[in-house]
Structures are given as structure tokens and as C-alpha cells.
């Protein structure tokens, strides 16, 4: 992932998208690299576009519960800014077997990398993001 090439994927065991970043930061620090935390965070903020979080529910099922965009560094330069694009709606509760009845719902926010997709020839229907078409 540190070669600058577009497109990579990895798996990290974590409890939330924010926890993913904390665990990767910890792994870098454990590697013995003498990098300041701010530099590690800046590298992560520029390397990651999206965190897809999957949770295991009581019934053993695994469901995507959050799709979160990594926006960049905060104004103070200390933290990585995250922006939820999809969240799992838990409001329907569980069925009689303990299976979650919710669904992954768009937050209505457009990702900042939408233009990057468009320039690559990928047109994403804005209704999939829970918004009306930007070109209307």
C-alpha cells in the first residue's frame, strides 16, 4: 500500500471504522519505525479512501454495518476525518431466531472521491447514495 499505486485492499479486525485506523497506527508503531504519529496518520489519510466495517451479530451472521469515507486530516492536523456514507439501520430489531432485521442505508452524503470515479469512467447513480441526481 505504500508504493503509491491505486487499488489495494486489506483486512483488519476492529470494532469500528475509527478503531481500524487506531489498530493500523498501532501496528506501524509496533514495527519499530521511528515515525511521528502525525506522519503515520497523514500517510493513512492519504492511502485510504474507504473503510467497510462488517460486524458479527448474536446469531453468528456477519453484516456490513458501516461504509465510511476517509476524508483526510482534521484542520488541526491531529486526527483523521471520517465521513459515514452508509450505516446499518438497527431500528427493526431482531427476528425470533436473533437475526438482525435492519438494512444498510445511505446517509445521503456524497463521497469526496465521486469525481475520481467519474474520471475513471465509473458513473455512480446518486440515488444509491440517498441523494437526487446532482446533474438535475
N, C-alpha and C. Protein backbone atom coordinates (compact mmCIF):
# COMPACT_ATOMS: atom_id res chain seq x y z
N UNK A 1 0.81 -1.20 0.00
CA UNK A 1 0.00 0.00 0.00
C UNK A 1 0.85 1.26 0.00
N UNK A 2 2.12 1.16 0.34
CA UNK A 2 2.94 2.36 0.41
C UNK A 2 3.69 2.67 -0.88
N UNK A 3 3.34 2.00 -1.97
CA UNK A 3 4.04 2.23 -3.24
C UNK A 3 3.43 3.35 -4.06
N UNK A 4 2.24 3.82 -3.66
CA UNK A 4 1.60 4.90 -4.39
C UNK A 4 0.72 4.42 -5.52
N UNK A 5 0.59 3.12 -5.71
CA UNK A 5 -0.28 2.60 -6.76
C UNK A 5 -1.73 2.62 -6.29
N UNK A 6 -2.65 2.95 -7.22
CA UNK A 6 -4.07 2.92 -6.87
C UNK A 6 -4.53 1.49 -6.74
N UNK A 7 -5.39 1.27 -5.75
CA UNK A 7 -6.05 -0.01 -5.62
C UNK A 7 -5.35 -1.01 -4.75
N UNK A 8 -5.80 -1.15 -3.55
CA UNK A 8 -5.34 -2.21 -2.66
C UNK A 8 -6.46 -2.47 -1.68
N UNK A 9 -6.37 -3.60 -1.02
CA UNK A 9 -7.39 -3.99 -0.06
C UNK A 9 -6.71 -4.74 1.07
N UNK A 10 -7.21 -4.59 2.25
CA UNK A 10 -6.65 -5.33 3.38
C UNK A 10 -7.75 -5.60 4.40
N UNK A 11 -7.49 -6.49 5.29
CA UNK A 11 -8.43 -6.83 6.35
C UNK A 11 -7.80 -6.49 7.69
N UNK A 12 -8.59 -5.86 8.53
CA UNK A 12 -8.16 -5.51 9.88
C UNK A 12 -9.30 -5.88 10.82
N UNK A 13 -9.00 -6.56 11.88
CA UNK A 13 -10.03 -6.87 12.87
C UNK A 13 -10.16 -5.69 13.81
N UNK A 14 -11.36 -5.09 13.82
CA UNK A 14 -11.60 -3.91 14.64
C UNK A 14 -13.09 -3.79 14.93
N UNK A 15 -13.43 -2.95 15.89
CA UNK A 15 -14.82 -2.80 16.31
C UNK A 15 -15.57 -1.68 15.62
N UNK A 16 -14.87 -0.85 14.86
CA UNK A 16 -15.50 0.28 14.18
C UNK A 16 -14.51 0.82 13.15
N UNK A 17 -14.98 1.64 12.21
CA UNK A 17 -14.03 2.26 11.27
C UNK A 17 -12.95 3.08 11.97
N UNK A 18 -13.31 3.80 13.02
CA UNK A 18 -12.31 4.59 13.76
C UNK A 18 -11.28 3.66 14.41
N UNK A 19 -11.75 2.53 14.92
CA UNK A 19 -10.86 1.54 15.55
C UNK A 19 -9.92 0.92 14.52
N UNK A 20 -10.36 0.79 13.27
CA UNK A 20 -9.49 0.29 12.20
C UNK A 20 -8.24 1.16 12.11
N UNK A 21 -8.46 2.47 12.07
CA UNK A 21 -7.33 3.39 11.94
C UNK A 21 -6.40 3.32 13.15
N UNK A 22 -6.99 3.22 14.34
CA UNK A 22 -6.18 3.13 15.56
C UNK A 22 -5.34 1.86 15.56
N UNK A 23 -5.90 0.77 15.09
CA UNK A 23 -5.16 -0.50 15.08
C UNK A 23 -4.04 -0.49 14.05
N UNK A 24 -4.28 0.11 12.90
CA UNK A 24 -3.22 0.19 11.90
C UNK A 24 -2.10 1.10 12.40
N UNK A 25 -2.46 2.19 13.02
CA UNK A 25 -1.46 3.09 13.61
C UNK A 25 -0.61 2.33 14.64
N UNK A 26 -1.26 1.53 15.47
CA UNK A 26 -0.55 0.74 16.47
C UNK A 26 0.39 -0.27 15.83
N UNK A 27 -0.07 -0.90 14.74
CA UNK A 27 0.79 -1.87 14.05
C UNK A 27 2.03 -1.20 13.48
N UNK A 28 1.87 0.00 12.94
CA UNK A 28 3.03 0.73 12.41
C UNK A 28 4.00 1.05 13.55
N UNK A 29 3.47 1.51 14.67
CA UNK A 29 4.32 1.83 15.81
C UNK A 29 5.03 0.59 16.35
N UNK A 30 4.36 -0.56 16.33
CA UNK A 30 4.96 -1.80 16.82
C UNK A 30 6.06 -2.31 15.89
N UNK A 31 6.05 -1.85 14.63
CA UNK A 31 7.07 -2.28 13.67
C UNK A 31 8.42 -1.66 13.98
N UNK A 32 8.45 -0.72 14.91
CA UNK A 32 9.71 -0.12 15.31
C UNK A 32 10.17 1.02 14.43
N UNK A 33 9.31 1.46 13.53
CA UNK A 33 9.66 2.60 12.68
C UNK A 33 9.68 3.84 13.55
N UNK A 34 10.67 4.64 13.39
CA UNK A 34 10.79 5.87 14.18
C UNK A 34 10.07 7.01 13.48
N UNK A 35 8.77 6.85 13.32
CA UNK A 35 7.96 7.87 12.68
C UNK A 35 7.08 8.56 13.71
N UNK A 36 6.91 9.87 13.58
CA UNK A 36 5.98 10.55 14.48
C UNK A 36 4.54 10.11 14.16
N UNK A 37 3.70 10.11 15.17
CA UNK A 37 2.31 9.68 15.00
C UNK A 37 1.62 10.51 13.93
N UNK A 38 1.89 11.79 13.90
CA UNK A 38 1.25 12.65 12.90
C UNK A 38 1.61 12.21 11.48
N UNK A 39 2.85 11.83 11.25
CA UNK A 39 3.26 11.37 9.92
C UNK A 39 2.56 10.06 9.55
N UNK A 40 2.41 9.18 10.52
CA UNK A 40 1.69 7.92 10.27
C UNK A 40 0.25 8.22 9.89
N UNK A 41 -0.39 9.09 10.63
CA UNK A 41 -1.78 9.44 10.34
C UNK A 41 -1.93 10.11 8.98
N UNK A 42 -0.98 10.97 8.63
CA UNK A 42 -1.04 11.63 7.31
C UNK A 42 -0.92 10.60 6.18
N UNK A 43 -0.04 9.62 6.37
CA UNK A 43 0.12 8.56 5.37
C UNK A 43 -1.16 7.74 5.25
N UNK A 44 -1.77 7.40 6.38
CA UNK A 44 -3.00 6.62 6.36
C UNK A 44 -4.13 7.43 5.71
N UNK A 45 -4.24 8.70 6.04
CA UNK A 45 -5.30 9.55 5.49
C UNK A 45 -5.18 9.67 3.97
N UNK A 46 -3.96 9.67 3.46
CA UNK A 46 -3.80 9.77 2.01
C UNK A 46 -3.90 8.41 1.32
N UNK A 47 -3.67 7.33 2.05
CA UNK A 47 -3.69 5.99 1.45
C UNK A 47 -5.09 5.38 1.40
N UNK A 48 -5.94 5.67 2.36
CA UNK A 48 -7.25 5.03 2.45
C UNK A 48 -8.34 5.93 1.90
N UNK A 49 -9.22 5.34 1.11
CA UNK A 49 -10.40 6.06 0.64
C UNK A 49 -11.63 5.67 1.44
N UNK A 50 -11.78 4.36 1.69
CA UNK A 50 -13.00 3.85 2.31
C UNK A 50 -12.66 2.75 3.31
N UNK A 51 -13.41 2.72 4.41
CA UNK A 51 -13.36 1.61 5.35
C UNK A 51 -14.75 0.96 5.33
N UNK A 52 -14.79 -0.33 5.04
CA UNK A 52 -16.04 -1.09 5.07
C UNK A 52 -16.00 -1.94 6.33
N UNK A 53 -16.92 -1.66 7.25
CA UNK A 53 -16.93 -2.38 8.52
C UNK A 53 -18.03 -3.43 8.52
N UNK A 54 -17.64 -4.62 8.91
CA UNK A 54 -18.56 -5.75 9.00
C UNK A 54 -18.59 -6.21 10.45
N UNK A 55 -19.79 -6.44 10.97
CA UNK A 55 -19.93 -6.88 12.36
C UNK A 55 -20.55 -8.27 12.40
N UNK A 56 -20.21 -9.02 13.45
CA UNK A 56 -20.85 -10.32 13.67
C UNK A 56 -21.95 -10.12 14.71
N UNK A 57 -23.15 -10.57 14.36
CA UNK A 57 -24.30 -10.42 15.24
C UNK A 57 -24.49 -11.65 16.12
N UNK A 58 -25.43 -11.54 17.07
CA UNK A 58 -25.68 -12.61 18.04
C UNK A 58 -25.95 -13.96 17.38
N UNK A 59 -26.61 -13.94 16.22
CA UNK A 59 -26.96 -15.19 15.54
C UNK A 59 -25.79 -15.77 14.75
N UNK A 60 -24.65 -15.09 14.76
CA UNK A 60 -23.47 -15.55 14.03
C UNK A 60 -23.33 -14.96 12.65
N UNK A 61 -24.35 -14.27 12.18
CA UNK A 61 -24.28 -13.68 10.84
C UNK A 61 -23.31 -12.50 10.85
N UNK A 62 -22.74 -12.25 9.70
CA UNK A 62 -21.83 -11.12 9.52
C UNK A 62 -22.46 -10.20 8.50
N UNK A 63 -22.59 -8.94 8.88
CA UNK A 63 -23.28 -7.98 8.04
C UNK A 63 -22.46 -6.69 7.98
N UNK A 64 -22.41 -6.09 6.80
CA UNK A 64 -21.76 -4.78 6.68
C UNK A 64 -22.61 -3.77 7.42
N UNK A 65 -22.01 -3.10 8.37
CA UNK A 65 -22.74 -2.15 9.21
C UNK A 65 -22.36 -0.69 8.95
N UNK A 66 -21.28 -0.49 8.22
CA UNK A 66 -20.83 0.88 8.01
C UNK A 66 -19.89 0.94 6.81
N UNK A 67 -20.14 1.90 5.94
CA UNK A 67 -19.20 2.22 4.87
C UNK A 67 -18.81 3.67 5.12
N UNK A 68 -17.53 3.87 5.42
CA UNK A 68 -17.05 5.16 5.88
C UNK A 68 -15.93 5.66 4.98
N UNK A 69 -16.06 6.91 4.54
CA UNK A 69 -15.01 7.53 3.73
C UNK A 69 -13.94 8.12 4.64
N UNK A 70 -12.70 7.93 4.25
CA UNK A 70 -11.58 8.59 4.93
C UNK A 70 -11.36 9.89 4.17
N UNK A 71 -11.73 11.00 4.81
CA UNK A 71 -11.75 12.30 4.14
C UNK A 71 -10.37 12.94 4.08
N UNK A 72 -9.60 12.82 5.13
CA UNK A 72 -8.28 13.44 5.20
C UNK A 72 -7.99 13.83 6.64
N UNK A 73 -7.06 14.73 6.80
CA UNK A 73 -6.67 15.17 8.14
C UNK A 73 -7.59 16.30 8.61
N UNK A 74 -7.79 16.36 9.93
CA UNK A 74 -8.59 17.44 10.52
C UNK A 74 -7.87 18.76 10.36
N UNK A 75 -8.58 19.84 10.61
CA UNK A 75 -7.99 21.18 10.46
C UNK A 75 -6.76 21.37 11.36
N UNK A 76 -6.79 20.79 12.54
CA UNK A 76 -5.64 20.94 13.44
C UNK A 76 -4.51 19.97 13.11
N UNK A 77 -4.74 19.08 12.14
CA UNK A 77 -3.71 18.16 11.70
C UNK A 77 -3.41 17.03 12.66
N UNK A 78 -4.27 16.81 13.65
CA UNK A 78 -4.02 15.78 14.65
C UNK A 78 -4.78 14.49 14.39
N UNK A 79 -5.95 14.58 13.77
CA UNK A 79 -6.81 13.41 13.62
C UNK A 79 -7.21 13.19 12.17
N UNK A 80 -7.57 11.96 11.87
CA UNK A 80 -8.08 11.60 10.55
C UNK A 80 -9.59 11.81 10.58
N UNK A 81 -10.10 12.54 9.59
CA UNK A 81 -11.53 12.80 9.49
C UNK A 81 -12.21 11.65 8.75
N UNK A 82 -13.32 11.19 9.32
CA UNK A 82 -14.12 10.14 8.71
C UNK A 82 -15.52 10.67 8.40
N UNK A 83 -16.15 10.07 7.37
CA UNK A 83 -17.47 10.52 6.95
C UNK A 83 -18.27 9.29 6.57
N UNK A 84 -19.32 8.98 7.33
CA UNK A 84 -20.13 7.79 7.05
C UNK A 84 -20.95 7.99 5.78
N UNK A 85 -20.86 7.01 4.87
CA UNK A 85 -21.66 7.02 3.65
C UNK A 85 -22.88 6.11 3.77
N UNK A 86 -22.71 5.00 4.47
CA UNK A 86 -23.80 4.05 4.73
C UNK A 86 -23.71 3.59 6.18
N UNK A 87 -24.86 3.42 6.80
CA UNK A 87 -24.92 2.90 8.17
C UNK A 87 -26.02 1.84 8.24
N UNK A 88 -25.79 0.82 9.03
CA UNK A 88 -26.79 -0.22 9.23
C UNK A 88 -27.88 0.31 10.15
N UNK A 89 -29.13 0.21 9.72
CA UNK A 89 -30.27 0.66 10.50
C UNK A 89 -30.74 -0.48 11.40
N UNK A 90 -30.53 -0.32 12.69
CA UNK A 90 -30.89 -1.35 13.68
C UNK A 90 -32.31 -1.21 14.20
N UNK A 91 -33.06 -0.25 13.72
CA UNK A 91 -34.35 0.09 14.34
C UNK A 91 -35.40 -1.02 14.27
N UNK A 92 -35.27 -1.97 13.35
CA UNK A 92 -36.26 -3.05 13.25
C UNK A 92 -35.99 -4.20 14.21
N UNK A 93 -34.92 -4.14 14.94
CA UNK A 93 -34.61 -5.16 15.93
C UNK A 93 -34.19 -6.49 15.33
N UNK A 94 -34.66 -7.58 15.95
CA UNK A 94 -34.25 -8.93 15.55
C UNK A 94 -35.48 -9.81 15.38
N UNK A 95 -35.35 -10.84 14.55
CA UNK A 95 -36.45 -11.81 14.41
C UNK A 95 -36.41 -12.83 15.53
N UNK A 96 -37.29 -13.82 15.50
CA UNK A 96 -37.38 -14.81 16.58
C UNK A 96 -36.15 -15.69 16.69
N UNK A 97 -35.29 -15.70 15.65
CA UNK A 97 -34.07 -16.50 15.67
C UNK A 97 -32.84 -15.67 16.03
N UNK A 98 -33.07 -14.38 16.33
CA UNK A 98 -31.97 -13.50 16.70
C UNK A 98 -31.26 -12.85 15.52
N UNK A 99 -31.84 -13.02 14.32
CA UNK A 99 -31.23 -12.40 13.13
C UNK A 99 -31.62 -10.93 13.06
N UNK A 100 -30.67 -10.07 12.72
CA UNK A 100 -30.99 -8.64 12.61
C UNK A 100 -31.93 -8.39 11.44
N UNK A 101 -32.92 -7.52 11.64
CA UNK A 101 -33.90 -7.21 10.61
C UNK A 101 -33.59 -5.90 9.90
N UNK A 102 -32.52 -5.26 10.25
CA UNK A 102 -32.17 -3.97 9.66
C UNK A 102 -31.58 -4.10 8.28
N UNK A 103 -31.17 -2.96 7.76
CA UNK A 103 -30.54 -2.92 6.45
C UNK A 103 -29.53 -1.78 6.39
N UNK A 104 -28.63 -1.89 5.44
CA UNK A 104 -27.62 -0.85 5.24
C UNK A 104 -28.27 0.30 4.47
N UNK A 105 -28.23 1.48 5.04
CA UNK A 105 -28.91 2.64 4.46
C UNK A 105 -27.92 3.76 4.16
N UNK A 106 -28.11 4.45 3.03
CA UNK A 106 -27.23 5.59 2.74
C UNK A 106 -27.50 6.74 3.69
N UNK A 107 -26.45 7.49 4.00
CA UNK A 107 -26.60 8.65 4.88
C UNK A 107 -27.04 9.89 4.10
N UNK A 108 -26.99 9.82 2.76
CA UNK A 108 -27.36 10.96 1.94
C UNK A 108 -26.19 11.86 1.61
N UNK A 109 -24.99 11.44 1.98
CA UNK A 109 -23.79 12.23 1.72
C UNK A 109 -23.07 11.72 0.48
N UNK A 110 -22.56 12.64 -0.29
CA UNK A 110 -21.76 12.27 -1.45
C UNK A 110 -20.30 12.13 -1.03
N UNK A 111 -19.64 11.09 -1.48
CA UNK A 111 -18.22 10.94 -1.14
C UNK A 111 -17.38 11.95 -1.91
N UNK A 112 -16.29 12.38 -1.31
CA UNK A 112 -15.42 13.36 -1.97
C UNK A 112 -14.70 12.74 -3.17
N UNK A 113 -14.63 11.40 -3.24
CA UNK A 113 -13.93 10.75 -4.35
C UNK A 113 -14.85 10.47 -5.53
N UNK A 114 -16.07 11.02 -5.53
CA UNK A 114 -17.01 10.79 -6.62
C UNK A 114 -16.44 11.27 -7.96
N UNK A 115 -15.75 12.40 -7.95
CA UNK A 115 -15.14 12.91 -9.18
C UNK A 115 -14.05 11.98 -9.69
N UNK A 116 -13.32 11.34 -8.77
CA UNK A 116 -12.28 10.39 -9.15
C UNK A 116 -12.91 9.19 -9.86
N UNK A 117 -14.06 8.74 -9.37
CA UNK A 117 -14.77 7.64 -10.03
C UNK A 117 -15.24 8.05 -11.42
N UNK A 118 -15.81 9.24 -11.51
CA UNK A 118 -16.31 9.75 -12.78
C UNK A 118 -15.19 9.85 -13.81
N UNK A 119 -14.03 10.35 -13.40
CA UNK A 119 -12.90 10.48 -14.34
C UNK A 119 -12.36 9.12 -14.76
N UNK A 120 -12.64 8.08 -13.97
CA UNK A 120 -12.24 6.72 -14.33
C UNK A 120 -13.31 6.03 -15.17
N UNK A 121 -14.37 6.78 -15.52
CA UNK A 121 -15.43 6.22 -16.35
C UNK A 121 -16.50 5.47 -15.57
N UNK A 122 -16.52 5.64 -14.26
CA UNK A 122 -17.50 4.96 -13.42
C UNK A 122 -18.56 5.98 -13.01
N UNK A 123 -19.78 5.75 -13.47
CA UNK A 123 -20.86 6.65 -13.07
C UNK A 123 -21.68 5.96 -12.00
N UNK A 124 -21.70 6.54 -10.84
CA UNK A 124 -22.44 6.00 -9.72
C UNK A 124 -23.78 6.71 -9.63
N UNK A 125 -24.86 5.96 -9.66
CA UNK A 125 -26.19 6.53 -9.56
C UNK A 125 -26.33 7.21 -8.20
N UNK A 126 -26.55 8.52 -8.16
CA UNK A 126 -26.64 9.24 -6.88
C UNK A 126 -27.75 8.71 -5.97
N UNK A 127 -28.79 8.09 -6.55
CA UNK A 127 -29.85 7.56 -5.69
C UNK A 127 -29.34 6.41 -4.83
N UNK A 128 -28.25 5.74 -5.26
CA UNK A 128 -27.65 4.71 -4.43
C UNK A 128 -27.02 5.30 -3.18
N UNK A 129 -26.71 6.59 -3.24
CA UNK A 129 -26.13 7.30 -2.10
C UNK A 129 -27.19 8.03 -1.30
N UNK A 130 -28.45 7.88 -1.72
CA UNK A 130 -29.54 8.51 -0.99
C UNK A 130 -29.73 9.97 -1.31
N UNK A 131 -29.25 10.41 -2.47
CA UNK A 131 -29.43 11.80 -2.88
C UNK A 131 -29.99 11.83 -4.29
N UNK A 132 -30.58 12.97 -4.64
CA UNK A 132 -31.07 13.17 -6.01
C UNK A 132 -29.88 13.37 -6.94
N UNK A 133 -30.08 13.14 -8.22
CA UNK A 133 -29.02 13.30 -9.21
C UNK A 133 -28.49 14.73 -9.17
N UNK A 134 -27.16 14.87 -9.04
CA UNK A 134 -26.51 16.20 -8.96
C UNK A 134 -26.68 16.99 -10.24
N UNK A 135 -26.89 16.30 -11.35
CA UNK A 135 -26.96 16.99 -12.64
C UNK A 135 -28.37 17.48 -12.97
N UNK A 136 -29.37 17.21 -12.12
CA UNK A 136 -30.73 17.67 -12.40
C UNK A 136 -30.88 19.10 -12.01
